[in-house]
Amino acid sequence: MNPRRILISIVLLASFLIIFPTAPLLAWPVPDTGQTTCYDDVGNVISCPSPGQRFYGQDGCYSINPMSFTKLDGGNMVRDNVTGLI
């Protein structure tokens, strides 16, 4: 096998092993939007569909990391409990 090809393969493998295992460590939670309403294709409000039903997958179908806040320091500062930002 060509030495140049071996070197390229080693560099690509090393890059993959360095980048992908650390990617989840660099991610942070994102607060939910609070959207709870779902719509059909012409804009009518509908009950939020279940997986496999038409129009499933809208933001209103999910509740992930609901908004949550805590007052700090006598109420002058607020912490976002999802992201930890103050």
C-alpha atoms as a PDB file:
ATOM      1  CA  MET A   1       0.000   0.000   0.000  1.00  0.00           C
ATOM      2  CA  ASN A   2       1.146   3.530  -0.762  1.00  0.00           C
ATOM      3  CA  PRO A   3       2.822   5.242   2.280  1.00  0.00           C
ATOM      4  CA  ARG A   4       1.008   8.483   1.497  1.00  0.00           C
ATOM      5  CA  ARG A   5      -2.333   6.673   1.546  1.00  0.00           C
ATOM      6  CA  ILE A   6      -1.453   5.070   4.893  1.00  0.00           C
ATOM      7  CA  LEU A   7      -0.572   8.466   6.366  1.00  0.00           C
ATOM      8  CA  ILE A   8      -3.838   9.994   5.131  1.00  0.00           C
ATOM      9  CA  SER A   9      -5.778   7.072   6.633  1.00  0.00           C
ATOM     10  CA  ILE A  10      -4.031   7.503   9.994  1.00  0.00           C
ATOM     11  CA  VAL A  11      -4.712  11.254  10.044  1.00  0.00           C
ATOM     12  CA  LEU A  12      -8.382  10.750   9.175  1.00  0.00           C
ATOM     13  CA  LEU A  13      -8.792   8.044  11.825  1.00  0.00           C
ATOM     14  CA  ALA A  14      -7.067  10.175  14.461  1.00  0.00           C
ATOM     15  CA  SER A  15      -9.271  13.164  13.569  1.00  0.00           C
ATOM     16  CA  PHE A  16     -12.383  11.019  13.843  1.00  0.00           C
ATOM     17  CA  LEU A  17     -11.339   9.622  17.224  1.00  0.00           C
ATOM     18  CA  ILE A  18     -10.560  13.090  18.593  1.00  0.00           C
ATOM     19  CA  ILE A  19     -13.585  14.999  17.280  1.00  0.00           C
ATOM     20  CA  PHE A  20     -16.517  12.615  17.670  1.00  0.00           C
ATOM     21  CA  PRO A  21     -16.013  11.426  21.268  1.00  0.00           C
ATOM     22  CA  THR A  22     -15.715  15.033  22.467  1.00  0.00           C
ATOM     23  CA  ALA A  23     -18.740  16.351  20.519  1.00  0.00           C
ATOM     24  CA  PRO A  24     -21.289  15.341  23.212  1.00  0.00           C
ATOM     25  CA  LEU A  25     -19.134  17.075  25.830  1.00  0.00           C
ATOM     26  CA  LEU A  26     -19.397  20.344  23.907  1.00  0.00           C
ATOM     27  CA  ALA A  27     -23.203  20.190  23.609  1.00  0.00           C
ATOM     28  CA  TRP A  28     -25.501  21.907  26.091  1.00  0.00           C
ATOM     29  CA  PRO A  29     -29.246  21.687  26.704  1.00  0.00           C
ATOM     30  CA  VAL A  30     -31.509  24.040  24.808  1.00  0.00           C
ATOM     31  CA  PRO A  31     -34.660  25.336  26.529  1.00  0.00           C
ATOM     32  CA  ASP A  32     -38.007  24.310  25.080  1.00  0.00           C
ATOM     33  CA  THR A  33     -39.848  26.990  23.125  1.00  0.00           C
ATOM     34  CA  GLY A  34     -43.068  26.540  25.063  1.00  0.00           C
ATOM     35  CA  GLN A  35     -45.012  25.969  21.828  1.00  0.00           C
ATOM     36  CA  THR A  36     -47.959  23.656  22.611  1.00  0.00           C
ATOM     37  CA  THR A  37     -50.234  24.260  19.620  1.00  0.00           C
ATOM     38  CA  CYS A  38     -50.167  22.219  16.404  1.00  0.00           C
ATOM     39  CA  TYR A  39     -51.481  23.169  12.974  1.00  0.00           C
ATOM     40  CA  ASP A  40     -52.579  21.484   9.759  1.00  0.00           C
ATOM     41  CA  ASP A  41     -51.305  22.363   6.294  1.00  0.00           C
ATOM     42  CA  VAL A  42     -53.606  25.391   5.909  1.00  0.00           C
ATOM     43  CA  GLY A  43     -53.000  26.847   9.376  1.00  0.00           C
ATOM     44  CA  ASN A  44     -55.973  25.486  11.317  1.00  0.00           C
ATOM     45  CA  VAL A  45     -55.299  24.585  14.957  1.00  0.00           C
ATOM     46  CA  ILE A  46     -55.443  20.804  15.494  1.00  0.00           C
ATOM     47  CA  SER A  47     -54.764  18.514  18.427  1.00  0.00           C
ATOM     48  CA  CYS A  48     -51.104  17.516  18.362  1.00  0.00           C
ATOM     49  CA  PRO A  49     -50.694  14.261  16.438  1.00  0.00           C
ATOM     50  CA  SER A  50     -48.983  11.097  17.675  1.00  0.00           C
ATOM     51  CA  PRO A  51     -45.969   9.469  15.975  1.00  0.00           C
ATOM     52  CA  GLY A  52     -46.932   8.112  12.579  1.00  0.00           C
ATOM     53  CA  GLN A  53     -49.909  10.441  12.171  1.00  0.00           C
ATOM     54  CA  ARG A  54     -50.084  13.212   9.612  1.00  0.00           C
ATOM     55  CA  PHE A  55     -48.499  16.499  10.789  1.00  0.00           C
ATOM     56  CA  TYR A  56     -46.499  14.775  13.563  1.00  0.00           C
ATOM     57  CA  GLY A  57     -43.143  16.357  14.355  1.00  0.00           C
ATOM     58  CA  GLN A  58     -44.226  19.933  14.950  1.00  0.00           C
ATOM     59  CA  ASP A  59     -42.681  21.765  17.892  1.00  0.00           C
ATOM     60  CA  GLY A  60     -45.970  21.489  19.787  1.00  0.00           C
ATOM     61  CA  CYS A  61     -45.613  17.687  19.785  1.00  0.00           C
ATOM     62  CA  TYR A  62     -42.570  17.835  22.068  1.00  0.00           C
ATOM     63  CA  SER A  63     -41.814  19.098  25.538  1.00  0.00           C
ATOM     64  CA  ILE A  64     -38.078  18.829  26.060  1.00  0.00           C
ATOM     65  CA  ASN A  65     -36.230  20.874  28.685  1.00  0.00           C
ATOM     66  CA  PRO A  66     -39.219  23.025  29.695  1.00  0.00           C
ATOM     67  CA  MET A  67     -38.380  26.585  30.702  1.00  0.00           C
ATOM     68  CA  SER A  68     -37.421  26.907  34.355  1.00  0.00           C
ATOM     69  CA  PHE A  69     -35.976  29.898  36.184  1.00  0.00           C
ATOM     70  CA  THR A  70     -34.777  30.652  39.717  1.00  0.00           C
ATOM     71  CA  LYS A  71     -34.523  34.131  41.243  1.00  0.00           C
ATOM     72  CA  LEU A  72     -31.115  34.760  42.770  1.00  0.00           C
ATOM     73  CA  ASP A  73     -29.761  37.471  45.048  1.00  0.00           C
ATOM     74  CA  GLY A  74     -33.086  38.848  46.236  1.00  0.00           C
ATOM     75  CA  GLY A  75     -34.623  38.736  42.752  1.00  0.00           C
ATOM     76  CA  ASN A  76     -32.109  41.018  40.985  1.00  0.00           C
ATOM     77  CA  MET A  77     -30.587  38.083  39.077  1.00  0.00           C
ATOM     78  CA  VAL A  78     -32.228  35.079  37.447  1.00  0.00           C
ATOM     79  CA  ARG A  79     -30.700  31.693  36.566  1.00  0.00           C
ATOM     80  CA  ASP A  80     -31.990  29.664  33.630  1.00  0.00           C
ATOM     81  CA  ASN A  81     -32.193  26.201  35.203  1.00  0.00           C
ATOM     82  CA  VAL A  82     -31.918  24.485  31.805  1.00  0.00           C
ATOM     83  CA  THR A  83     -28.743  26.149  30.534  1.00  0.00           C
ATOM     84  CA  GLY A  84     -27.318  27.368  33.847  1.00  0.00           C
ATOM     85  CA  LEU A  85     -26.928  30.886  32.429  1.00  0.00           C
ATOM     86  CA  ILE A  86     -27.376  33.800  34.841  1.00  0.00           C
END
